[in-house]
Amino acid sequence: MTSIEKLEWRYATKKFDSNKKLTEEQVEILKNAFNLTATSYGLQPLKMVVVNNKDLQNELKPLAYNQDQVADCSHLLVICIKTNIDGSYVDERFDLEKKIRGIPEESIADFRAFLKKTIESQSKEEIEESSKYQVYIALGNLMTVCAFEGIDSCPLEGFIPSKFDEVLNLKEHNLKSVLLLPVGFRAEDDLMSKLKKVRSPLEESIITIE
């Protein structure tokens, strides 16, 4: 299929086949896709929790307003923001860059100082708000990769983050949950999979300036 055909194939899956599981290779692809997502300044203020435990998924389902996808999907991806973004964290990122790229400190010193000053001038709330915007970049990236890999998905905002954080012990990892992405394979009787997409004509959704 072409890129557009794969995106046409994708839809927000309402009913997963609970008996079908992603392969280890498919899960690794999604992990790498998440890790390769673009982030502001390359700081990666995000982390993803992969839940592959039916008992735990069933426990989380009521905390997502009893949406069946949470329990029936193959794997539940919980996209989180890090709550420990500060000057020290910025230093860790620049030190990692030096190690991977083998570059001298003088080549990044000015940018390091600028970014540390920028982060340290912001409130915790401002930093977390910025990180949340980037969660949606990761979500879009994952959904697109899922479509290309023939994996079904359904983005969910409808859940109680504080309760998820408690059950998954996210506070201990300096994390807060923001979005859910159940992934797996559509059930044959999911009626939504047979429906045509409803989208505006291109001339109504695109403005071209030449």
N, C-alpha and C. Protein backbone atom coordinates (compact mmCIF):
# COMPACT_ATOMS: atom_id res chain seq x y z
N MET A 1 0.84 -1.19 0.00
CA MET A 1 0.00 0.00 0.00
C MET A 1 0.87 1.24 0.00
N THR A 2 0.35 2.31 -0.58
CA THR A 2 1.03 3.59 -0.54
C THR A 2 0.87 4.21 0.85
N SER A 3 1.61 5.28 1.10
CA SER A 3 1.51 5.96 2.38
C SER A 3 0.07 6.40 2.67
N ILE A 4 -0.58 6.98 1.66
CA ILE A 4 -1.95 7.45 1.84
C ILE A 4 -2.91 6.29 2.07
N GLU A 5 -2.70 5.19 1.37
CA GLU A 5 -3.56 4.02 1.56
C GLU A 5 -3.43 3.47 2.98
N LYS A 6 -2.23 3.52 3.52
CA LYS A 6 -2.03 3.04 4.89
C LYS A 6 -2.71 3.96 5.90
N LEU A 7 -2.69 5.25 5.62
CA LEU A 7 -3.37 6.19 6.51
C LEU A 7 -4.88 6.09 6.36
N GLU A 8 -5.34 5.75 5.17
CA GLU A 8 -6.77 5.49 4.97
C GLU A 8 -7.19 4.24 5.74
N TRP A 9 -6.31 3.26 5.81
CA TRP A 9 -6.58 2.00 6.52
C TRP A 9 -6.73 2.23 8.02
N ARG A 10 -5.96 3.18 8.54
CA ARG A 10 -5.96 3.45 9.98
C ARG A 10 -7.27 4.08 10.43
N TYR A 11 -7.71 3.73 11.60
CA TYR A 11 -8.86 4.38 12.22
C TYR A 11 -8.74 4.18 13.73
N ALA A 12 -9.51 4.92 14.49
CA ALA A 12 -9.48 4.79 15.94
C ALA A 12 -10.24 3.51 16.31
N THR A 13 -9.51 2.46 16.56
CA THR A 13 -10.10 1.15 16.77
C THR A 13 -10.98 1.12 18.02
N LYS A 14 -12.21 0.73 17.85
CA LYS A 14 -13.15 0.70 18.97
C LYS A 14 -13.20 -0.66 19.65
N LYS A 15 -12.87 -1.72 18.89
CA LYS A 15 -12.92 -3.06 19.46
C LYS A 15 -11.71 -3.86 19.01
N PHE A 16 -10.88 -4.24 19.97
CA PHE A 16 -9.71 -5.04 19.68
C PHE A 16 -10.01 -6.53 19.83
N ASP A 17 -9.29 -7.34 19.08
CA ASP A 17 -9.34 -8.79 19.27
C ASP A 17 -8.42 -9.12 20.43
N SER A 18 -8.99 -9.45 21.58
CA SER A 18 -8.20 -9.66 22.79
C SER A 18 -7.32 -10.89 22.72
N ASN A 19 -7.53 -11.74 21.71
CA ASN A 19 -6.73 -12.96 21.58
C ASN A 19 -5.49 -12.78 20.71
N LYS A 20 -5.39 -11.63 20.05
CA LYS A 20 -4.25 -11.40 19.17
C LYS A 20 -3.22 -10.50 19.86
N LYS A 21 -1.95 -10.88 19.75
CA LYS A 21 -0.88 -10.16 20.39
C LYS A 21 0.15 -9.65 19.39
N LEU A 22 0.72 -8.50 19.68
CA LEU A 22 1.83 -8.01 18.88
C LEU A 22 3.04 -8.92 19.10
N THR A 23 3.86 -9.05 18.08
CA THR A 23 5.09 -9.81 18.23
C THR A 23 6.11 -8.95 18.98
N GLU A 24 7.15 -9.58 19.49
CA GLU A 24 8.21 -8.83 20.17
C GLU A 24 8.84 -7.83 19.21
N GLU A 25 8.97 -8.22 17.95
CA GLU A 25 9.55 -7.32 16.95
C GLU A 25 8.68 -6.09 16.76
N GLN A 26 7.37 -6.27 16.71
CA GLN A 26 6.47 -5.13 16.54
C GLN A 26 6.54 -4.19 17.74
N VAL A 27 6.61 -4.77 18.94
CA VAL A 27 6.72 -3.94 20.14
C VAL A 27 8.02 -3.14 20.13
N GLU A 28 9.10 -3.77 19.70
CA GLU A 28 10.39 -3.07 19.62
C GLU A 28 10.34 -1.93 18.62
N ILE A 29 9.62 -2.13 17.52
CA ILE A 29 9.47 -1.06 16.52
C ILE A 29 8.78 0.14 17.15
N LEU A 30 7.72 -0.10 17.93
CA LEU A 30 7.00 1.00 18.56
C LEU A 30 7.85 1.69 19.62
N LYS A 31 8.62 0.92 20.36
CA LYS A 31 9.52 1.51 21.35
C LYS A 31 10.53 2.43 20.67
N ASN A 32 11.12 1.95 19.59
CA ASN A 32 12.11 2.75 18.87
C ASN A 32 11.47 3.97 18.23
N ALA A 33 10.26 3.81 17.70
CA ALA A 33 9.56 4.94 17.09
C ALA A 33 9.31 6.03 18.13
N PHE A 34 8.93 5.63 19.32
CA PHE A 34 8.72 6.60 20.40
C PHE A 34 10.04 7.30 20.73
N ASN A 35 11.09 6.52 20.85
CA ASN A 35 12.39 7.08 21.24
C ASN A 35 12.95 8.02 20.18
N LEU A 36 12.56 7.82 18.92
CA LEU A 36 13.05 8.65 17.82
C LEU A 36 12.16 9.87 17.56
N THR A 37 11.11 10.03 18.33
CA THR A 37 10.22 11.17 18.15
C THR A 37 10.96 12.49 18.37
N ALA A 38 10.67 13.46 17.53
CA ALA A 38 11.28 14.78 17.69
C ALA A 38 10.76 15.45 18.96
N THR A 39 11.68 16.10 19.70
CA THR A 39 11.29 16.86 20.89
C THR A 39 12.03 18.20 20.89
N SER A 40 11.47 19.17 21.57
CA SER A 40 12.05 20.50 21.62
C SER A 40 13.45 20.45 22.23
N TYR A 41 14.42 21.00 21.50
CA TYR A 41 15.82 21.02 21.91
C TYR A 41 16.40 19.61 22.07
N GLY A 42 15.67 18.59 21.65
CA GLY A 42 16.15 17.22 21.81
C GLY A 42 16.23 16.77 23.25
N LEU A 43 15.44 17.39 24.14
CA LEU A 43 15.53 17.08 25.57
C LEU A 43 14.80 15.80 25.97
N GLN A 44 13.93 15.30 25.11
CA GLN A 44 13.16 14.09 25.42
C GLN A 44 12.55 14.14 26.83
N PRO A 45 11.62 15.07 27.06
CA PRO A 45 11.01 15.18 28.39
C PRO A 45 9.88 14.17 28.59
N LEU A 46 9.90 13.10 27.80
CA LEU A 46 8.83 12.10 27.81
C LEU A 46 9.36 10.72 28.14
N LYS A 47 8.46 9.87 28.58
CA LYS A 47 8.79 8.46 28.75
C LYS A 47 7.52 7.67 28.46
N MET A 48 7.67 6.46 27.96
CA MET A 48 6.51 5.63 27.63
C MET A 48 6.53 4.37 28.49
N VAL A 49 5.38 4.07 29.07
CA VAL A 49 5.20 2.85 29.83
C VAL A 49 4.43 1.86 28.96
N VAL A 50 4.95 0.66 28.80
CA VAL A 50 4.31 -0.38 28.00
C VAL A 50 3.70 -1.41 28.94
N VAL A 51 2.37 -1.48 28.95
CA VAL A 51 1.67 -2.42 29.82
C VAL A 51 1.26 -3.64 29.01
N ASN A 52 1.77 -4.79 29.39
CA ASN A 52 1.47 -6.05 28.71
C ASN A 52 1.08 -7.08 29.76
N ASN A 53 0.00 -6.78 30.47
CA ASN A 53 -0.45 -7.61 31.57
C ASN A 53 -1.96 -7.48 31.68
N LYS A 54 -2.68 -8.53 31.34
CA LYS A 54 -4.14 -8.45 31.29
C LYS A 54 -4.76 -8.12 32.64
N ASP A 55 -4.21 -8.66 33.72
CA ASP A 55 -4.76 -8.35 35.04
C ASP A 55 -4.62 -6.87 35.33
N LEU A 56 -3.48 -6.31 35.01
CA LEU A 56 -3.26 -4.89 35.24
C LEU A 56 -4.12 -4.05 34.31
N GLN A 57 -4.26 -4.49 33.06
CA GLN A 57 -5.11 -3.75 32.11
C GLN A 57 -6.56 -3.74 32.59
N ASN A 58 -7.02 -4.85 33.14
CA ASN A 58 -8.38 -4.91 33.67
C ASN A 58 -8.54 -4.01 34.89
N GLU A 59 -7.46 -3.88 35.67
CA GLU A 59 -7.50 -3.00 36.83
C GLU A 59 -7.55 -1.54 36.40
N LEU A 60 -6.89 -1.23 35.29
CA LEU A 60 -6.84 0.15 34.80
C LEU A 60 -8.12 0.55 34.06
N LYS A 61 -8.83 -0.42 33.52
CA LYS A 61 -10.01 -0.12 32.70
C LYS A 61 -11.01 0.80 33.39
N PRO A 62 -11.41 0.55 34.65
CA PRO A 62 -12.37 1.47 35.29
C PRO A 62 -11.82 2.89 35.44
N LEU A 63 -10.48 3.01 35.46
CA LEU A 63 -9.87 4.33 35.60
C LEU A 63 -9.80 5.05 34.27
N ALA A 64 -10.25 4.36 33.21
CA ALA A 64 -10.36 4.96 31.88
C ALA A 64 -11.82 4.92 31.44
N TYR A 65 -12.69 5.13 32.41
CA TYR A 65 -14.13 5.20 32.18
C TYR A 65 -14.65 3.95 31.47
N ASN A 66 -14.07 2.79 31.85
CA ASN A 66 -14.51 1.48 31.36
C ASN A 66 -14.45 1.34 29.85
N GLN A 67 -13.50 2.00 29.23
CA GLN A 67 -13.31 1.84 27.79
C GLN A 67 -12.65 0.48 27.53
N ASP A 68 -13.33 -0.34 26.74
CA ASP A 68 -12.89 -1.72 26.52
C ASP A 68 -11.49 -1.82 25.92
N GLN A 69 -11.11 -0.83 25.13
CA GLN A 69 -9.81 -0.91 24.45
C GLN A 69 -8.65 -1.09 25.44
N VAL A 70 -8.79 -0.50 26.62
CA VAL A 70 -7.72 -0.56 27.61
C VAL A 70 -7.46 -2.01 28.05
N ALA A 71 -8.52 -2.78 28.19
CA ALA A 71 -8.37 -4.16 28.64
C ALA A 71 -8.14 -5.14 27.49
N ASP A 72 -8.73 -4.85 26.34
CA ASP A 72 -8.72 -5.82 25.23
C ASP A 72 -7.54 -5.68 24.28
N CYS A 73 -6.84 -4.55 24.31
CA CYS A 73 -5.73 -4.37 23.39
C CYS A 73 -4.58 -5.32 23.72
N SER A 74 -3.69 -5.48 22.77
CA SER A 74 -2.51 -6.33 23.00
C SER A 74 -1.59 -5.68 24.03
N HIS A 75 -1.25 -4.41 23.81
CA HIS A 75 -0.39 -3.67 24.71
C HIS A 75 -0.98 -2.28 24.91
N LEU A 76 -0.90 -1.79 26.12
CA LEU A 76 -1.37 -0.44 26.43
C LEU A 76 -0.16 0.46 26.61
N LEU A 77 -0.06 1.46 25.72
CA LEU A 77 1.04 2.42 25.80
C LEU A 77 0.58 3.64 26.59
N VAL A 78 1.31 3.96 27.64
CA VAL A 78 0.99 5.12 28.48
C VAL A 78 2.10 6.14 28.27
N ILE A 79 1.77 7.26 27.63
CA ILE A 79 2.77 8.28 27.33
C ILE A 79 2.79 9.29 28.48
N CYS A 80 3.96 9.48 29.04
CA CYS A 80 4.11 10.29 30.24
C CYS A 80 5.09 11.45 30.03
N ILE A 81 4.99 12.44 30.90
CA ILE A 81 5.98 13.50 30.94
C ILE A 81 6.86 13.29 32.16
N LYS A 82 8.13 13.71 32.03
CA LYS A 82 9.05 13.65 33.16
C LYS A 82 8.84 14.89 34.03
N THR A 83 8.90 14.71 35.32
CA THR A 83 8.66 15.82 36.24
C THR A 83 9.96 16.35 36.85
N ASN A 84 11.09 15.89 36.35
CA ASN A 84 12.38 16.29 36.92
C ASN A 84 13.24 17.06 35.91
N ILE A 85 12.57 17.83 35.05
CA ILE A 85 13.31 18.62 34.05
C ILE A 85 13.83 19.90 34.72
N ASP A 86 15.14 19.98 34.88
CA ASP A 86 15.76 21.15 35.50
C ASP A 86 17.16 21.32 34.92
N GLY A 87 17.94 22.20 35.52
CA GLY A 87 19.28 22.44 35.01
C GLY A 87 20.15 21.20 34.99
N SER A 88 20.03 20.38 36.02
CA SER A 88 20.82 19.14 36.09
C SER A 88 20.44 18.19 34.97
N TYR A 89 19.14 18.14 34.66
CA TYR A 89 18.68 17.28 33.57
C TYR A 89 19.26 17.76 32.24
N VAL A 90 19.29 19.06 32.04
CA VAL A 90 19.86 19.63 30.82
C VAL A 90 21.33 19.23 30.70
N ASP A 91 22.05 19.30 31.81
CA ASP A 91 23.45 18.90 31.80
C ASP A 91 23.61 17.44 31.39
N GLU A 92 22.73 16.59 31.90
CA GLU A 92 22.78 15.16 31.55
C GLU A 92 22.61 14.96 30.05
N ARG A 93 21.71 15.74 29.46
CA ARG A 93 21.46 15.61 28.03
C ARG A 93 22.67 16.06 27.20
N PHE A 94 23.28 17.16 27.61
CA PHE A 94 24.44 17.65 26.88
C PHE A 94 25.65 16.71 27.06
N ASP A 95 25.77 16.14 28.24
CA ASP A 95 26.85 15.17 28.47
C ASP A 95 26.65 13.94 27.60
N LEU A 96 25.40 13.54 27.42
CA LEU A 96 25.10 12.41 26.55
C LEU A 96 25.46 12.74 25.10
N GLU A 97 25.15 13.96 24.69
CA GLU A 97 25.49 14.39 23.33
C GLU A 97 27.00 14.34 23.10
N LYS A 98 27.76 14.82 24.07
CA LYS A 98 29.22 14.79 23.96
C LYS A 98 29.72 13.35 23.84
N LYS A 99 29.14 12.47 24.61
CA LYS A 99 29.58 11.07 24.60
C LYS A 99 29.26 10.40 23.27
N ILE A 100 28.05 10.62 22.76
CA ILE A 100 27.62 9.95 21.52
C ILE A 100 28.30 10.54 20.29
N ARG A 101 28.41 11.86 20.25
CA ARG A 101 28.95 12.53 19.07
C ARG A 101 30.45 12.79 19.15
N GLY A 102 31.02 12.61 20.33
CA GLY A 102 32.45 12.82 20.47
C GLY A 102 32.88 14.25 20.20
N ILE A 103 32.08 15.20 20.69
CA ILE A 103 32.38 16.61 20.42
C ILE A 103 32.94 17.27 21.68
N PRO A 104 33.75 18.31 21.52
CA PRO A 104 34.34 19.00 22.67
C PRO A 104 33.32 19.90 23.36
N GLU A 105 33.54 20.17 24.63
CA GLU A 105 32.63 21.01 25.41
C GLU A 105 32.50 22.41 24.82
N GLU A 106 33.60 22.95 24.29
CA GLU A 106 33.54 24.34 23.79
C GLU A 106 32.56 24.51 22.63
N SER A 107 32.26 23.41 21.93
CA SER A 107 31.35 23.52 20.80
C SER A 107 29.89 23.59 21.23
N ILE A 108 29.61 23.24 22.47
CA ILE A 108 28.21 23.26 22.94
C ILE A 108 28.03 24.10 24.19
N ALA A 109 29.10 24.68 24.70
CA ALA A 109 29.04 25.40 25.98
C ALA A 109 28.02 26.53 25.98
N ASP A 110 28.00 27.33 24.93
CA ASP A 110 27.07 28.47 24.87
C ASP A 110 25.62 28.01 24.84
N PHE A 111 25.37 26.98 24.03
CA PHE A 111 24.00 26.48 23.94
C PHE A 111 23.58 25.82 25.25
N ARG A 112 24.51 25.11 25.89
CA ARG A 112 24.23 24.49 27.19
C ARG A 112 23.81 25.57 28.20
N ALA A 113 24.59 26.64 28.26
CA ALA A 113 24.31 27.72 29.21
C ALA A 113 22.97 28.38 28.91
N PHE A 114 22.71 28.61 27.62
CA PHE A 114 21.44 29.23 27.21
C PHE A 114 20.25 28.37 27.62
N LEU A 115 20.34 27.08 27.35
CA LEU A 115 19.21 26.19 27.62
C LEU A 115 19.00 26.01 29.12
N LYS A 116 20.09 25.91 29.87
CA LYS A 116 19.95 25.80 31.33
C LYS A 116 19.28 27.04 31.90
N LYS A 117 19.68 28.20 31.41
CA LYS A 117 19.09 29.46 31.88
C LYS A 117 17.60 29.51 31.53
N THR A 118 17.28 29.04 30.31
CA THR A 118 15.88 29.04 29.87
C THR A 118 15.03 28.14 30.76
N ILE A 119 15.50 26.93 31.01
CA ILE A 119 14.75 25.98 31.82
C ILE A 119 14.62 26.46 33.26
N GLU A 120 15.72 26.97 33.81
CA GLU A 120 15.72 27.38 35.20
C GLU A 120 14.89 28.64 35.45
N SER A 121 14.57 29.36 34.37
CA SER A 121 13.74 30.57 34.52
C SER A 121 12.25 30.25 34.48
N GLN A 122 11.92 29.02 34.14
CA GLN A 122 10.52 28.62 34.02
C GLN A 122 10.04 27.94 35.30
N SER A 123 8.74 28.08 35.56
CA SER A 123 8.15 27.39 36.71
C SER A 123 7.96 25.91 36.36
N LYS A 124 7.77 25.09 37.36
CA LYS A 124 7.53 23.66 37.15
C LYS A 124 6.30 23.45 36.28
N GLU A 125 5.28 24.29 36.52
CA GLU A 125 4.04 24.18 35.75
C GLU A 125 4.27 24.52 34.28
N GLU A 126 5.07 25.52 34.01
CA GLU A 126 5.36 25.91 32.63
C GLU A 126 6.13 24.81 31.90
N ILE A 127 7.08 24.21 32.59
CA ILE A 127 7.86 23.14 31.98
C ILE A 127 6.98 21.93 31.67
N GLU A 128 6.10 21.59 32.59
CA GLU A 128 5.22 20.44 32.38
C GLU A 128 4.23 20.71 31.26
N GLU A 129 3.75 21.93 31.15
CA GLU A 129 2.83 22.29 30.08
C GLU A 129 3.51 22.15 28.72
N SER A 130 4.74 22.61 28.63
CA SER A 130 5.51 22.47 27.39
C SER A 130 5.72 21.00 27.05
N SER A 131 6.00 20.20 28.06
CA SER A 131 6.23 18.77 27.83
C SER A 131 4.96 18.09 27.33
N LYS A 132 3.82 18.51 27.84
CA LYS A 132 2.55 17.91 27.42
C LYS A 132 2.29 18.12 25.94
N TYR A 133 2.65 19.30 25.43
CA TYR A 133 2.48 19.54 23.99
C TYR A 133 3.28 18.52 23.19
N GLN A 134 4.43 18.16 23.69
CA GLN A 134 5.29 17.24 22.96
C GLN A 134 4.79 15.79 23.02
N VAL A 135 3.96 15.50 24.01
CA VAL A 135 3.34 14.18 24.09
C VAL A 135 2.51 13.93 22.83
N TYR A 136 1.86 14.98 22.33
CA TYR A 136 1.01 14.82 21.15
C TYR A 136 1.84 14.57 19.89
N ILE A 137 3.05 15.10 19.87
CA ILE A 137 3.95 14.79 18.75
C ILE A 137 4.27 13.30 18.77
N ALA A 138 4.59 12.79 19.95
CA ALA A 138 4.90 11.36 20.09
C ALA A 138 3.70 10.50 19.73
N LEU A 139 2.52 10.94 20.15
CA LEU A 139 1.30 10.19 19.84
C LEU A 139 1.09 10.09 18.33
N GLY A 140 1.19 11.23 17.63
CA GLY A 140 1.00 11.23 16.19
C GLY A 140 2.03 10.35 15.49
N ASN A 141 3.26 10.42 15.96
CA ASN A 141 4.32 9.60 15.38
C ASN A 141 4.01 8.12 15.56
N LEU A 142 3.60 7.73 16.75
CA LEU A 142 3.28 6.33 17.03
C LEU A 142 2.10 5.84 16.19
N MET A 143 1.07 6.67 16.07
CA MET A 143 -0.10 6.27 15.30
C MET A 143 0.25 6.07 13.83
N THR A 144 1.13 6.92 13.31
CA THR A 144 1.54 6.78 11.91
C THR A 144 2.37 5.52 11.72
N VAL A 145 3.31 5.27 12.63
CA VAL A 145 4.12 4.06 12.54
C VAL A 145 3.24 2.83 12.66
N CYS A 146 2.26 2.87 13.54
CA CYS A 146 1.32 1.75 13.67
C CYS A 146 0.64 1.46 12.33
N ALA A 147 0.19 2.51 11.68
CA ALA A 147 -0.48 2.33 10.38
C ALA A 147 0.45 1.69 9.37
N PHE A 148 1.69 2.11 9.35
CA PHE A 148 2.66 1.57 8.39
C PHE A 148 3.02 0.12 8.71
N GLU A 149 2.90 -0.26 9.98
CA GLU A 149 3.24 -1.61 10.39
C GLU A 149 2.03 -2.54 10.46
N GLY A 150 0.86 -2.02 10.08
CA GLY A 150 -0.35 -2.85 10.12
C GLY A 150 -0.83 -3.13 11.53
N ILE A 151 -0.56 -2.20 12.44
CA ILE A 151 -0.98 -2.33 13.84
C ILE A 151 -2.11 -1.35 14.09
N ASP A 152 -3.15 -1.82 14.73
CA ASP A 152 -4.28 -0.94 15.05
C ASP A 152 -4.02 -0.19 16.35
N SER A 153 -4.62 0.99 16.45
CA SER A 153 -4.43 1.81 17.64
C SER A 153 -5.65 2.68 17.89
N CYS A 154 -5.72 3.24 19.09
CA CYS A 154 -6.82 4.15 19.42
C CYS A 154 -6.36 5.13 20.48
N PRO A 155 -6.12 6.40 20.11
CA PRO A 155 -5.66 7.38 21.10
C PRO A 155 -6.76 7.70 22.11
N LEU A 156 -6.37 7.77 23.38
CA LEU A 156 -7.36 8.03 24.43
C LEU A 156 -6.88 9.12 25.38
N GLU A 157 -7.70 10.13 25.55
CA GLU A 157 -7.48 11.14 26.59
C GLU A 157 -8.39 10.87 27.78
N GLY A 158 -9.41 10.06 27.56
CA GLY A 158 -10.41 9.81 28.58
C GLY A 158 -9.97 8.81 29.65
N PHE A 159 -9.23 9.31 30.62
CA PHE A 159 -8.84 8.48 31.76
C PHE A 159 -8.48 9.41 32.91
N ILE A 160 -8.26 8.86 34.07
CA ILE A 160 -7.94 9.66 35.26
C ILE A 160 -6.44 9.55 35.51
N PRO A 161 -5.66 10.53 35.04
CA PRO A 161 -4.21 10.44 35.15
C PRO A 161 -3.69 10.16 36.56
N SER A 162 -4.24 10.85 37.56
CA SER A 162 -3.75 10.68 38.92
C SER A 162 -3.91 9.24 39.40
N LYS A 163 -5.00 8.60 39.00
CA LYS A 163 -5.24 7.20 39.40
C LYS A 163 -4.30 6.26 38.65
N PHE A 164 -4.07 6.53 37.37
CA PHE A 164 -3.11 5.73 36.61
C PHE A 164 -1.72 5.87 37.23
N ASP A 165 -1.36 7.11 37.58
CA ASP A 165 -0.05 7.35 38.18
C ASP A 165 0.12 6.53 39.46
N GLU A 166 -0.97 6.44 40.22
CA GLU A 166 -0.93 5.70 41.49
C GLU A 166 -0.76 4.21 41.24
N VAL A 167 -1.58 3.65 40.36
CA VAL A 167 -1.53 2.21 40.11
C VAL A 167 -0.19 1.80 39.50
N LEU A 168 0.34 2.63 38.61
CA LEU A 168 1.59 2.30 37.91
C LEU A 168 2.83 2.81 38.64
N ASN A 169 2.63 3.39 39.83
CA ASN A 169 3.75 3.90 40.63
C ASN A 169 4.61 4.90 39.86
N LEU A 170 3.96 5.76 39.09
CA LEU A 170 4.71 6.66 38.22
C LEU A 170 5.42 7.77 38.99
N LYS A 171 4.87 8.17 40.12
CA LYS A 171 5.51 9.23 40.90
C LYS A 171 6.92 8.82 41.32
N GLU A 172 7.09 7.54 41.62
CA GLU A 172 8.41 7.04 42.02
C GLU A 172 9.43 7.16 40.90
N HIS A 173 8.94 7.25 39.66
CA HIS A 173 9.82 7.37 38.50
C HIS A 173 9.85 8.79 37.96
N ASN A 174 9.34 9.75 38.75
CA ASN A 174 9.28 11.16 38.32
C ASN A 174 8.51 11.32 37.02
N LEU A 175 7.33 10.69 36.97
CA LEU A 175 6.51 10.72 35.76
C LEU A 175 5.07 11.07 36.08
N LYS A 176 4.39 11.64 35.07
CA LYS A 176 2.95 11.85 35.11
C LYS A 176 2.36 11.36 33.79
N SER A 177 1.30 10.58 33.84
CA SER A 177 0.67 10.09 32.61
C SER A 177 -0.14 11.20 31.96
N VAL A 178 -0.13 11.20 30.62
CA VAL A 178 -0.83 12.25 29.87
C VAL A 178 -1.80 11.65 28.85
N LEU A 179 -1.35 10.66 28.09
CA LEU A 179 -2.18 10.06 27.04
C LEU A 179 -2.03 8.54 27.04
N LEU A 180 -3.06 7.87 26.53
CA LEU A 180 -3.02 6.42 26.37
C LEU A 180 -3.11 6.07 24.89
N LEU A 181 -2.42 5.01 24.50
CA LEU A 181 -2.55 4.50 23.15
C LEU A 181 -2.62 2.97 23.20
N PRO A 182 -3.84 2.42 23.29
CA PRO A 182 -3.98 0.97 23.17
C PRO A 182 -3.59 0.55 21.75
N VAL A 183 -2.82 -0.53 21.62
CA VAL A 183 -2.42 -1.03 20.31
C VAL A 183 -2.67 -2.53 20.24
N GLY A 184 -2.91 -3.00 19.02
CA GLY A 184 -3.18 -4.43 18.83
C GLY A 184 -3.76 -4.66 17.46
N PHE A 185 -4.81 -5.47 17.41
CA PHE A 185 -5.43 -5.80 16.13
C PHE A 185 -6.94 -5.73 16.26
N ARG A 186 -7.55 -5.11 15.28
CA ARG A 186 -9.01 -4.90 15.30
C ARG A 186 -9.76 -6.22 15.32
N ALA A 187 -10.90 -6.22 16.00
CA ALA A 187 -11.79 -7.38 15.99
C ALA A 187 -12.55 -7.39 14.67
N GLU A 188 -12.86 -8.56 14.18
CA GLU A 188 -13.55 -8.67 12.89
C GLU A 188 -14.93 -8.02 12.93
N ASP A 189 -15.54 -7.95 14.11
CA ASP A 189 -16.89 -7.38 14.20
C ASP A 189 -16.89 -5.92 14.68
N ASP A 190 -15.73 -5.26 14.58
CA ASP A 190 -15.71 -3.83 14.89
C ASP A 190 -16.31 -3.09 13.71
N LEU A 191 -17.53 -2.62 13.88
CA LEU A 191 -18.25 -1.99 12.77
C LEU A 191 -17.56 -0.73 12.27
N MET A 192 -16.82 -0.06 13.15
CA MET A 192 -16.16 1.18 12.75
C MET A 192 -15.12 0.94 11.66
N SER A 193 -14.58 -0.26 11.59
CA SER A 193 -13.53 -0.54 10.60
C SER A 193 -14.07 -0.58 9.18
N LYS A 194 -15.37 -0.71 9.04
CA LYS A 194 -15.99 -0.80 7.71
C LYS A 194 -16.48 0.55 7.19
N LEU A 195 -16.44 1.56 8.04
CA LEU A 195 -16.98 2.86 7.66
C LEU A 195 -15.94 3.72 6.93
N LYS A 196 -16.43 4.53 6.01
CA LYS A 196 -15.55 5.45 5.29
C LYS A 196 -15.12 6.58 6.23
N LYS A 197 -13.93 7.11 5.99
CA LYS A 197 -13.46 8.24 6.76
C LYS A 197 -14.28 9.48 6.42
N VAL A 198 -14.52 10.30 7.41
CA VAL A 198 -15.21 11.56 7.20
C VAL A 198 -14.18 12.68 7.33
N ARG A 199 -13.79 13.26 6.24
CA ARG A 199 -12.81 14.33 6.22
C ARG A 199 -13.26 15.43 5.26
N SER A 200 -12.88 16.65 5.55
CA SER A 200 -13.19 17.78 4.67
C SER A 200 -12.44 17.61 3.36
N PRO A 201 -12.98 18.14 2.25
CA PRO A 201 -12.23 18.14 0.99
C PRO A 201 -10.91 18.88 1.18
N LEU A 202 -9.89 18.50 0.43
CA LEU A 202 -8.57 19.13 0.56
C LEU A 202 -8.63 20.64 0.41
N GLU A 203 -9.47 21.11 -0.53
CA GLU A 203 -9.52 22.55 -0.76
C GLU A 203 -10.10 23.31 0.44
N GLU A 204 -10.77 22.59 1.35
CA GLU A 204 -11.30 23.23 2.54
C GLU A 204 -10.36 23.13 3.73
N SER A 205 -9.45 22.17 3.70
CA SER A 205 -8.55 21.99 4.84
C SER A 205 -7.12 22.44 4.57
N ILE A 206 -6.83 22.77 3.30
CA ILE A 206 -5.48 23.18 2.93
C ILE A 206 -5.51 24.54 2.24
N ILE A 207 -4.59 25.42 2.65
CA ILE A 207 -4.39 26.69 1.95
C ILE A 207 -3.01 26.66 1.32
N THR A 208 -2.93 26.82 0.04
CA THR A 208 -1.66 26.81 -0.67
C THR A 208 -1.28 28.23 -1.08
N ILE A 209 -0.10 28.66 -0.68
CA ILE A 209 0.39 30.00 -1.04
C ILE A 209 1.59 29.85 -1.93
N GLU A 210 1.50 30.38 -3.15
CA GLU A 210 2.59 30.24 -4.13
C GLU A 210 3.21 31.59 -4.47
